[in-house]
PDB file of N, CA and C in Angstrom:
ATOM      1  N   UNK A   1      66.537  90.391 100.412  1.00  0.00           N
ATOM      2  CA  UNK A   1      67.754  91.327 100.200  1.00  0.00           C
ATOM      3  C   UNK A   1      67.232  92.711 100.457  1.00  0.00           C
ATOM      4  N   UNK A   2      67.920  93.529 101.192  1.00  0.00           N
ATOM      5  CA  UNK A   2      67.721  94.932 101.359  1.00  0.00           C
ATOM      6  C   UNK A   2      68.533  95.656 100.266  1.00  0.00           C
ATOM      7  N   UNK A   3      67.931  96.737  99.736  1.00  0.00           N
ATOM      8  CA  UNK A   3      68.709  97.592  98.741  1.00  0.00           C
ATOM      9  C   UNK A   3      68.637  99.039  99.122  1.00  0.00           C
ATOM     10  N   UNK A   4      69.796  99.560  99.085  1.00  0.00           N
ATOM     11  CA  UNK A   4      69.963 101.030  99.359  1.00  0.00           C
ATOM     12  C   UNK A   4      70.439 101.602  98.069  1.00  0.00           C
ATOM     13  N   UNK A   5      69.783 102.633  97.621  1.00  0.00           N
ATOM     14  CA  UNK A   5      70.251 103.320  96.292  1.00  0.00           C
ATOM     15  C   UNK A   5      70.752 104.760  96.686  1.00  0.00           C
ATOM     16  N   UNK A   6      72.046 104.918  96.498  1.00  0.00           N
ATOM     17  CA  UNK A   6      72.561 106.281  96.841  1.00  0.00           C
ATOM     18  C   UNK A   6      73.736 106.488  95.874  1.00  0.00           C
ATOM     19  N   UNK A   7      74.144 107.708  95.888  1.00  0.00           N
ATOM     20  CA  UNK A   7      75.335 108.020  94.942  1.00  0.00           C
ATOM     21  C   UNK A   7      76.577 108.084  95.765  1.00  0.00           C
ATOM     22  N   UNK A   8      77.709 107.938  95.129  1.00  0.00           N
ATOM     23  CA  UNK A   8      78.972 108.111  95.790  1.00  0.00           C
ATOM     24  C   UNK A   8      80.149 108.620  94.847  1.00  0.00           C
ATOM     25  N   UNK A   9      81.164 108.998  95.544  1.00  0.00           N
ATOM     26  CA  UNK A   9      82.358 109.572  94.723  1.00  0.00           C
ATOM     27  C   UNK A   9      83.598 108.863  95.185  1.00  0.00           C
ATOM     28  N   UNK A  10      84.462 108.363  94.376  1.00  0.00           N
ATOM     29  CA  UNK A  10      85.585 107.712  94.723  1.00  0.00           C
ATOM     30  C   UNK A  10      86.580 108.692  95.226  1.00  0.00           C
ATOM     31  N   UNK A  11      87.168 108.510  96.419  1.00  0.00           N
ATOM     32  CA  UNK A  11      88.187 109.275  97.027  1.00  0.00           C
ATOM     33  C   UNK A  11      89.588 108.750  96.473  1.00  0.00           C
ATOM     34  N   UNK A  12      89.751 107.595  96.334  1.00  0.00           N
ATOM     35  CA  UNK A  12      90.884 106.998  95.743  1.00  0.00           C
ATOM     36  C   UNK A  12      90.419 105.557  95.271  1.00  0.00           C
ATOM     37  N   UNK A  13      91.460 104.758  94.855  1.00  0.00           N
ATOM     38  CA  UNK A  13      91.125 103.454  94.354  1.00  0.00           C
ATOM     39  C   UNK A  13      90.369 102.523  95.256  1.00  0.00           C
ATOM     40  N   UNK A  14      90.437 102.696  96.569  1.00  0.00           N
ATOM     41  CA  UNK A  14      89.810 101.784  97.506  1.00  0.00           C
ATOM     42  C   UNK A  14      88.865 102.452  98.384  1.00  0.00           C
ATOM     43  N   UNK A  15      88.536 103.832  98.270  1.00  0.00           N
ATOM     44  CA  UNK A  15      87.560 104.414  99.202  1.00  0.00           C
ATOM     45  C   UNK A  15      86.464 105.164  98.364  1.00  0.00           C
ATOM     46  N   UNK A  16      85.301 104.927  98.815  1.00  0.00           N
ATOM     47  CA  UNK A  16      84.092 105.490  98.063  1.00  0.00           C
ATOM     48  C   UNK A  16      83.330 106.280  99.161  1.00  0.00           C
ATOM     49  N   UNK A  17      83.128 107.566  98.926  1.00  0.00           N
ATOM     50  CA  UNK A  17      82.469 108.417  99.863  1.00  0.00           C
ATOM     51  C   UNK A  17      80.969 108.573  99.298  1.00  0.00           C
ATOM     52  N   UNK A  18      80.074 108.192 100.234  1.00  0.00           N
ATOM     53  CA  UNK A  18      78.672 108.266  99.785  1.00  0.00           C
ATOM     54  C   UNK A  18      78.063 109.737  99.984  1.00  0.00           C
ATOM     55  N   UNK A  19      77.293 110.152  99.039  1.00  0.00           N
ATOM     56  CA  UNK A  19      76.775 111.483  99.202  1.00  0.00           C
ATOM     57  C   UNK A  19      75.830 111.707 100.280  1.00  0.00           C
ATOM     58  N   UNK A  20      75.034 110.539 100.605  1.00  0.00           N
ATOM     59  CA  UNK A  20      74.178 110.544 101.833  1.00  0.00           C
ATOM     60  C   UNK A  20      74.534 109.415 102.637  1.00  0.00           C
ATOM     61  N   UNK A  21      74.691 109.642 103.894  1.00  0.00           N
ATOM     62  CA  UNK A  21      74.999 108.436 104.900  1.00  0.00           C
ATOM     63  C   UNK A  21      73.992 107.433 104.895  1.00  0.00           C
ATOM     64  N   UNK A  22      74.427 106.210 105.151  1.00  0.00           N
ATOM     65  CA  UNK A  22      73.506 105.058 105.152  1.00  0.00           C
ATOM     66  C   UNK A  22      72.928 105.038 106.622  1.00  0.00           C
ATOM     67  N   UNK A  23      71.550 105.024 106.579  1.00  0.00           N
ATOM     68  CA  UNK A  23      70.829 104.932 107.855  1.00  0.00           C
ATOM     69  C   UNK A  23      70.909 103.585 108.535  1.00  0.00           C
ATOM     70  N   UNK A  24      71.131 103.531 109.782  1.00  0.00           N
ATOM     71  CA  UNK A  24      71.260 102.232 110.557  1.00  0.00           C
ATOM     72  C   UNK A  24      72.737 101.837 110.596  1.00  0.00           C
ATOM     73  N   UNK A  25      72.887 100.632 111.259  1.00  0.00           N
ATOM     74  CA  UNK A  25      74.250 100.032 111.387  1.00  0.00           C
ATOM     75  C   UNK A  25      74.079  98.587 110.922  1.00  0.00           C
ATOM     76  N   UNK A  26      74.994  98.309 110.030  1.00  0.00           N
ATOM     77  CA  UNK A  26      74.981  96.986 109.352  1.00  0.00           C
ATOM     78  C   UNK A  26      76.357  96.328 109.821  1.00  0.00           C
ATOM     79  N   UNK A  27      76.288  94.947 110.061  1.00  0.00           N
ATOM     80  CA  UNK A  27      77.509  94.202 110.328  1.00  0.00           C
ATOM     81  C   UNK A  27      77.598  93.130 109.361  1.00  0.00           C
ATOM     82  N   UNK A  28      78.822  92.637 109.105  1.00  0.00           N
ATOM     83  CA  UNK A  28      78.966  91.480 108.242  1.00  0.00           C
ATOM     84  C   UNK A  28      79.343  91.932 106.821  1.00  0.00           C
ATOM     85  N   UNK A  29      79.488  91.028 105.827  1.00  0.00           N
ATOM     86  CA  UNK A  29      79.839  91.337 104.516  1.00  0.00           C
ATOM     87  C   UNK A  29      78.590  92.060 103.876  1.00  0.00           C
ATOM     88  N   UNK A  30      78.989  92.944 102.873  1.00  0.00           N
ATOM     89  CA  UNK A  30      77.878  93.652 102.148  1.00  0.00           C
ATOM     90  C   UNK A  30      78.270  93.501 100.772  1.00  0.00           C
ATOM     91  N   UNK A  31      77.321  93.229  99.869  1.00  0.00           N
ATOM     92  CA  UNK A  31      77.510  93.083  98.375  1.00  0.00           C
ATOM     93  C   UNK A  31      77.268  94.495  97.855  1.00  0.00           C
ATOM     94  N   UNK A  32      78.270  94.999  97.035  1.00  0.00           N
ATOM     95  CA  UNK A  32      78.218  96.260  96.532  1.00  0.00           C
ATOM     96  C   UNK A  32      78.176  96.162  94.987  1.00  0.00           C
ATOM     97  N   UNK A  33      77.165  96.840  94.333  1.00  0.00           N
ATOM     98  CA  UNK A  33      77.144  96.795  92.904  1.00  0.00           C
ATOM     99  C   UNK A  33      77.417  98.306  92.411  1.00  0.00           C
ATOM    100  N   UNK A  34      78.426  98.421  91.576  1.00  0.00           N
ATOM    101  CA  UNK A  34      78.791  99.769  91.143  1.00  0.00           C
ATOM    102  C   UNK A  34      78.255  99.914  89.771  1.00  0.00           C
ATOM    103  N   UNK A  35      77.491 101.074  89.599  1.00  0.00           N
ATOM    104  CA  UNK A  35      76.887 101.432  88.280  1.00  0.00           C
ATOM    105  C   UNK A  35      77.455 102.720  87.961  1.00  0.00           C
ATOM    106  N   UNK A  36      78.186 102.883  86.831  1.00  0.00           N
ATOM    107  CA  UNK A  36      78.723 104.116  86.434  1.00  0.00           C
ATOM    108  C   UNK A  36      77.852 104.885  85.403  1.00  0.00           C
ATOM    109  N   UNK A  37      77.586 106.130  85.644  1.00  0.00           N
ATOM    110  CA  UNK A  37      76.853 106.903  84.656  1.00  0.00           C
ATOM    111  C   UNK A  37      77.750 107.452  83.559  1.00  0.00           C
ATOM    112  N   UNK A  38      77.141 108.053  82.595  1.00  0.00           N
ATOM    113  CA  UNK A  38      77.960 108.548  81.472  1.00  0.00           C
ATOM    114  C   UNK A  38      78.981 109.619  81.787  1.00  0.00           C
ATOM    115  N   UNK A  39      78.836 110.248  82.941  1.00  0.00           N
ATOM    116  CA  UNK A  39      79.760 111.283  83.360  1.00  0.00           C
ATOM    117  C   UNK A  39      80.944 110.852  83.969  1.00  0.00           C
ATOM    118  N   UNK A  40      80.993 109.536  84.535  1.00  0.00           N
ATOM    119  CA  UNK A  40      82.070 108.968  85.185  1.00  0.00           C
ATOM    120  C   UNK A  40      83.232 108.657  84.208  1.00  0.00           C
ATOM    121  N   UNK A  41      84.364 108.913  84.550  1.00  0.00           N
ATOM    122  CA  UNK A  41      85.545 108.685  83.704  1.00  0.00           C
ATOM    123  C   UNK A  41      86.649 108.014  84.543  1.00  0.00           C
ATOM    124  N   UNK A  42      87.319 107.021  83.962  1.00  0.00           N
ATOM    125  CA  UNK A  42      88.392 106.378  84.661  1.00  0.00           C
ATOM    126  C   UNK A  42      89.655 107.316  84.678  1.00  0.00           C
ATOM    127  N   UNK A  43      90.201 107.476  85.791  1.00  0.00           N
ATOM    128  CA  UNK A  43      91.363 108.242  85.880  1.00  0.00           C
ATOM    129  C   UNK A  43      92.556 107.289  86.183  1.00  0.00           C
ATOM    130  N   UNK A  44      93.363 107.369  85.235  1.00  0.00           N
ATOM    131  CA  UNK A  44      94.529 106.381  85.445  1.00  0.00           C
ATOM    132  C   UNK A  44      95.849 107.142  85.441  1.00  0.00           C
ATOM    133  N   UNK A  45      96.222 107.289  86.721  1.00  0.00           N
ATOM    134  CA  UNK A  45      97.569 108.033  86.919  1.00  0.00           C
ATOM    135  C   UNK A  45      98.802 107.066  87.018  1.00  0.00           C
ATOM    136  N   UNK A  46      99.878 107.551  86.839  1.00  0.00           N
ATOM    137  CA  UNK A  46     101.009 106.733  86.868  1.00  0.00           C
ATOM    138  C   UNK A  46     101.425 106.691  88.347  1.00  0.00           C
ATOM    139  N   UNK A  47     101.768 105.626  88.966  1.00  0.00           N
ATOM    140  CA  UNK A  47     102.262 105.711  90.369  1.00  0.00           C
ATOM    141  C   UNK A  47     103.671 106.406  90.486  1.00  0.00           C
ATOM    142  N   UNK A  48     103.760 107.018  91.599  1.00  0.00           N
ATOM    143  CA  UNK A  48     105.001 107.877  91.779  1.00  0.00           C
ATOM    144  C   UNK A  48     105.776 106.928  92.731  1.00  0.00           C
ATOM    145  N   UNK A  49     106.743 106.160  92.089  1.00  0.00           N
ATOM    146  CA  UNK A  49     107.616 105.248  92.865  1.00  0.00           C
ATOM    147  C   UNK A  49     108.509 106.026  93.789  1.00  0.00           C
ATOM    148  N   UNK A  50     109.116 107.119  93.289  1.00  0.00           N
ATOM    149  CA  UNK A  50     110.020 107.865  94.071  1.00  0.00           C
ATOM    150  C   UNK A  50     109.367 108.243  95.340  1.00  0.00           C
ATOM    151  N   UNK A  51     108.127 108.799  95.323  1.00  0.00           N
ATOM    152  CA  UNK A  51     107.440 109.264  96.450  1.00  0.00           C
ATOM    153  C   UNK A  51     107.156 108.176  97.468  1.00  0.00           C
ATOM    154  N   UNK A  52     106.788 106.969  96.879  1.00  0.00           N
ATOM    155  CA  UNK A  52     106.572 105.870  97.786  1.00  0.00           C
ATOM    156  C   UNK A  52     107.856 105.332  98.476  1.00  0.00           C
ATOM    157  N   UNK A  53     108.937 105.261  97.731  1.00  0.00           N
ATOM    158  CA  UNK A  53     110.174 104.958  98.319  1.00  0.00           C
ATOM    159  C   UNK A  53     110.574 105.977  99.485  1.00  0.00           C
ATOM    160  N   UNK A  54     110.359 107.265  99.183  1.00  0.00           N
ATOM    161  CA  UNK A  54     110.619 108.254 100.162  1.00  0.00           C
ATOM    162  C   UNK A  54     109.719 108.109 101.377  1.00  0.00           C
ATOM    163  N   UNK A  55     108.448 107.741 101.090  1.00  0.00           N
ATOM    164  CA  UNK A  55     107.486 107.448 102.213  1.00  0.00           C
ATOM    165  C   UNK A  55     108.034 106.241 103.116  1.00  0.00           C
ATOM    166  N   UNK A  56     108.499 105.244 102.465  1.00  0.00           N
ATOM    167  CA  UNK A  56     109.026 104.116 103.226  1.00  0.00           C
ATOM    168  C   UNK A  56     110.235 104.539 104.066  1.00  0.00           C
ATOM    169  N   UNK A  57     111.122 105.266 103.537  1.00  0.00           N
ATOM    170  CA  UNK A  57     112.300 105.793 104.343  1.00  0.00           C
ATOM    171  C   UNK A  57     111.768 106.664 105.468  1.00  0.00           C
ATOM    172  N   UNK A  58     110.741 107.476 105.263  1.00  0.00           N
ATOM    173  CA  UNK A  58     110.264 108.336 106.349  1.00  0.00           C
ATOM    174  C   UNK A  58     109.628 107.426 107.446  1.00  0.00           C
ATOM    175  N   UNK A  59     108.849 106.442 107.095  1.00  0.00           N
ATOM    176  CA  UNK A  59     108.064 105.522 107.961  1.00  0.00           C
ATOM    177  C   UNK A  59     108.931 104.586 108.696  1.00  0.00           C
ATOM    178  N   UNK A  60     109.964 104.175 108.045  1.00  0.00           N
ATOM    179  CA  UNK A  60     110.912 103.200 108.688  1.00  0.00           C
ATOM    180  C   UNK A  60     112.432 103.629 108.494  1.00  0.00           C
ATOM    181  N   UNK A  61     112.850 104.625 109.258  1.00  0.00           N
ATOM    182  CA  UNK A  61     114.079 105.193 109.053  1.00  0.00           C
ATOM    183  C   UNK A  61     115.287 104.240 109.383  1.00  0.00           C
ATOM    184  N   UNK A  62     115.073 103.376 110.380  1.00  0.00           N
ATOM    185  CA  UNK A  62     116.113 102.456 110.757  1.00  0.00           C
ATOM    186  C   UNK A  62     116.261 101.224 109.982  1.00  0.00           C
ATOM    187  N   UNK A  63     115.447 100.938 108.971  1.00  0.00           N
ATOM    188  CA  UNK A  63     115.448  99.797 108.161  1.00  0.00           C
ATOM    189  C   UNK A  63     116.754  99.906 107.280  1.00  0.00           C
ATOM    190  N   UNK A  64     117.525  98.790 107.246  1.00  0.00           N
ATOM    191  CA  UNK A  64     118.648  98.760 106.303  1.00  0.00           C
ATOM    192  C   UNK A  64     118.163  98.709 104.816  1.00  0.00           C
ATOM    193  N   UNK A  65     118.945  99.342 103.927  1.00  0.00           N
ATOM    194  CA  UNK A  65     118.696  99.315 102.608  1.00  0.00           C
ATOM    195  C   UNK A  65     118.879  97.874 102.094  1.00  0.00           C
ATOM    196  N   UNK A  66     118.002  97.432 101.213  1.00  0.00           N
ATOM    197  CA  UNK A  66     118.035  96.111 100.686  1.00  0.00           C
ATOM    198  C   UNK A  66     117.705  96.127  99.181  1.00  0.00           C
ATOM    199  N   UNK A  67     118.405  95.121  98.401  1.00  0.00           N
ATOM    200  CA  UNK A  67     118.002  95.027  97.123  1.00  0.00           C
ATOM    201  C   UNK A  67     116.673  94.316  96.935  1.00  0.00           C
ATOM    202  N   UNK A  68     116.136  94.338  95.844  1.00  0.00           N
ATOM    203  CA  UNK A  68     114.906  93.526  95.611  1.00  0.00           C
ATOM    204  C   UNK A  68     115.091  92.075  95.790  1.00  0.00           C
ATOM    205  N   UNK A  69     116.319  91.511  95.333  1.00  0.00           N
ATOM    206  CA  UNK A  69     116.588  90.024  95.631  1.00  0.00           C
ATOM    207  C   UNK A  69     116.674  89.720  97.087  1.00  0.00           C
ATOM    208  N   UNK A  70     117.335  90.736  97.807  1.00  0.00           N
ATOM    209  CA  UNK A  70     117.469  90.307  99.311  1.00  0.00           C
ATOM    210  C   UNK A  70     116.085  90.419  99.957  1.00  0.00           C
ATOM    211  N   UNK A  71     115.291  91.291  99.466  1.00  0.00           N
ATOM    212  CA  UNK A  71     113.928  91.408 100.065  1.00  0.00           C
ATOM    213  C   UNK A  71     113.094  90.232  99.807  1.00  0.00           C
ATOM    214  N   UNK A  72     113.047  89.778  98.456  1.00  0.00           N
ATOM    215  CA  UNK A  72     112.319  88.606  98.041  1.00  0.00           C
ATOM    216  C   UNK A  72     112.840  87.262  98.849  1.00  0.00           C
ATOM    217  N   UNK A  73     114.110  87.257  98.904  1.00  0.00           N
ATOM    218  CA  UNK A  73     114.715  86.137  99.661  1.00  0.00           C
ATOM    219  C   UNK A  73     114.301  86.113 101.059  1.00  0.00           C
ATOM    220  N   UNK A  74     114.235  87.223 101.738  1.00  0.00           N
ATOM    221  CA  UNK A  74     113.742  87.243 103.099  1.00  0.00           C
ATOM    222  C   UNK A  74     112.284  86.880 103.192  1.00  0.00           C
ATOM    223  N   UNK A  75     111.513  87.335 102.270  1.00  0.00           N
ATOM    224  CA  UNK A  75     110.092  86.946 102.175  1.00  0.00           C
ATOM    225  C   UNK A  75     109.843  85.540 102.066  1.00  0.00           C
ATOM    226  N   UNK A  76     110.636  84.853 101.174  1.00  0.00           N
ATOM    227  CA  UNK A  76     110.469  83.447 100.936  1.00  0.00           C
ATOM    228  C   UNK A  76     110.896  82.599 102.112  1.00  0.00           C
ATOM    229  N   UNK A  77     111.989  83.008 102.729  1.00  0.00           N
ATOM    230  CA  UNK A  77     112.554  82.243 103.760  1.00  0.00           C
ATOM    231  C   UNK A  77     112.066  82.565 105.290  1.00  0.00           C
ATOM    232  N   UNK A  78     111.505  83.782 105.283  1.00  0.00           N
ATOM    233  CA  UNK A  78     111.048  84.177 106.645  1.00  0.00           C
ATOM    234  C   UNK A  78     112.270  85.000 107.305  1.00  0.00           C
ATOM    235  N   UNK A  79     111.886  85.583 108.450  1.00  0.00           N
ATOM    236  CA  UNK A  79     112.901  86.345 109.140  1.00  0.00           C
ATOM    237  C   UNK A  79     113.708  85.483 110.050  1.00  0.00           C
TER     238      UNK A  79
END
């Protein structure tokens, strides 16, 4: 097993920015072990649902408005 020891900073919940780039090119799955130091703090923000709904409307302006029941029925039955 090869081990690379470097520091990183979370950009958001699914993106980690490394302080130093990893040398070489790796392919395939990589096992990542996260070790938090005493300075790391969990940031728990509340999701902004209104902003997300607005984003959906901006990204898909032609989509008809649907209730959650209609949406789930469509997902269950397919289009």
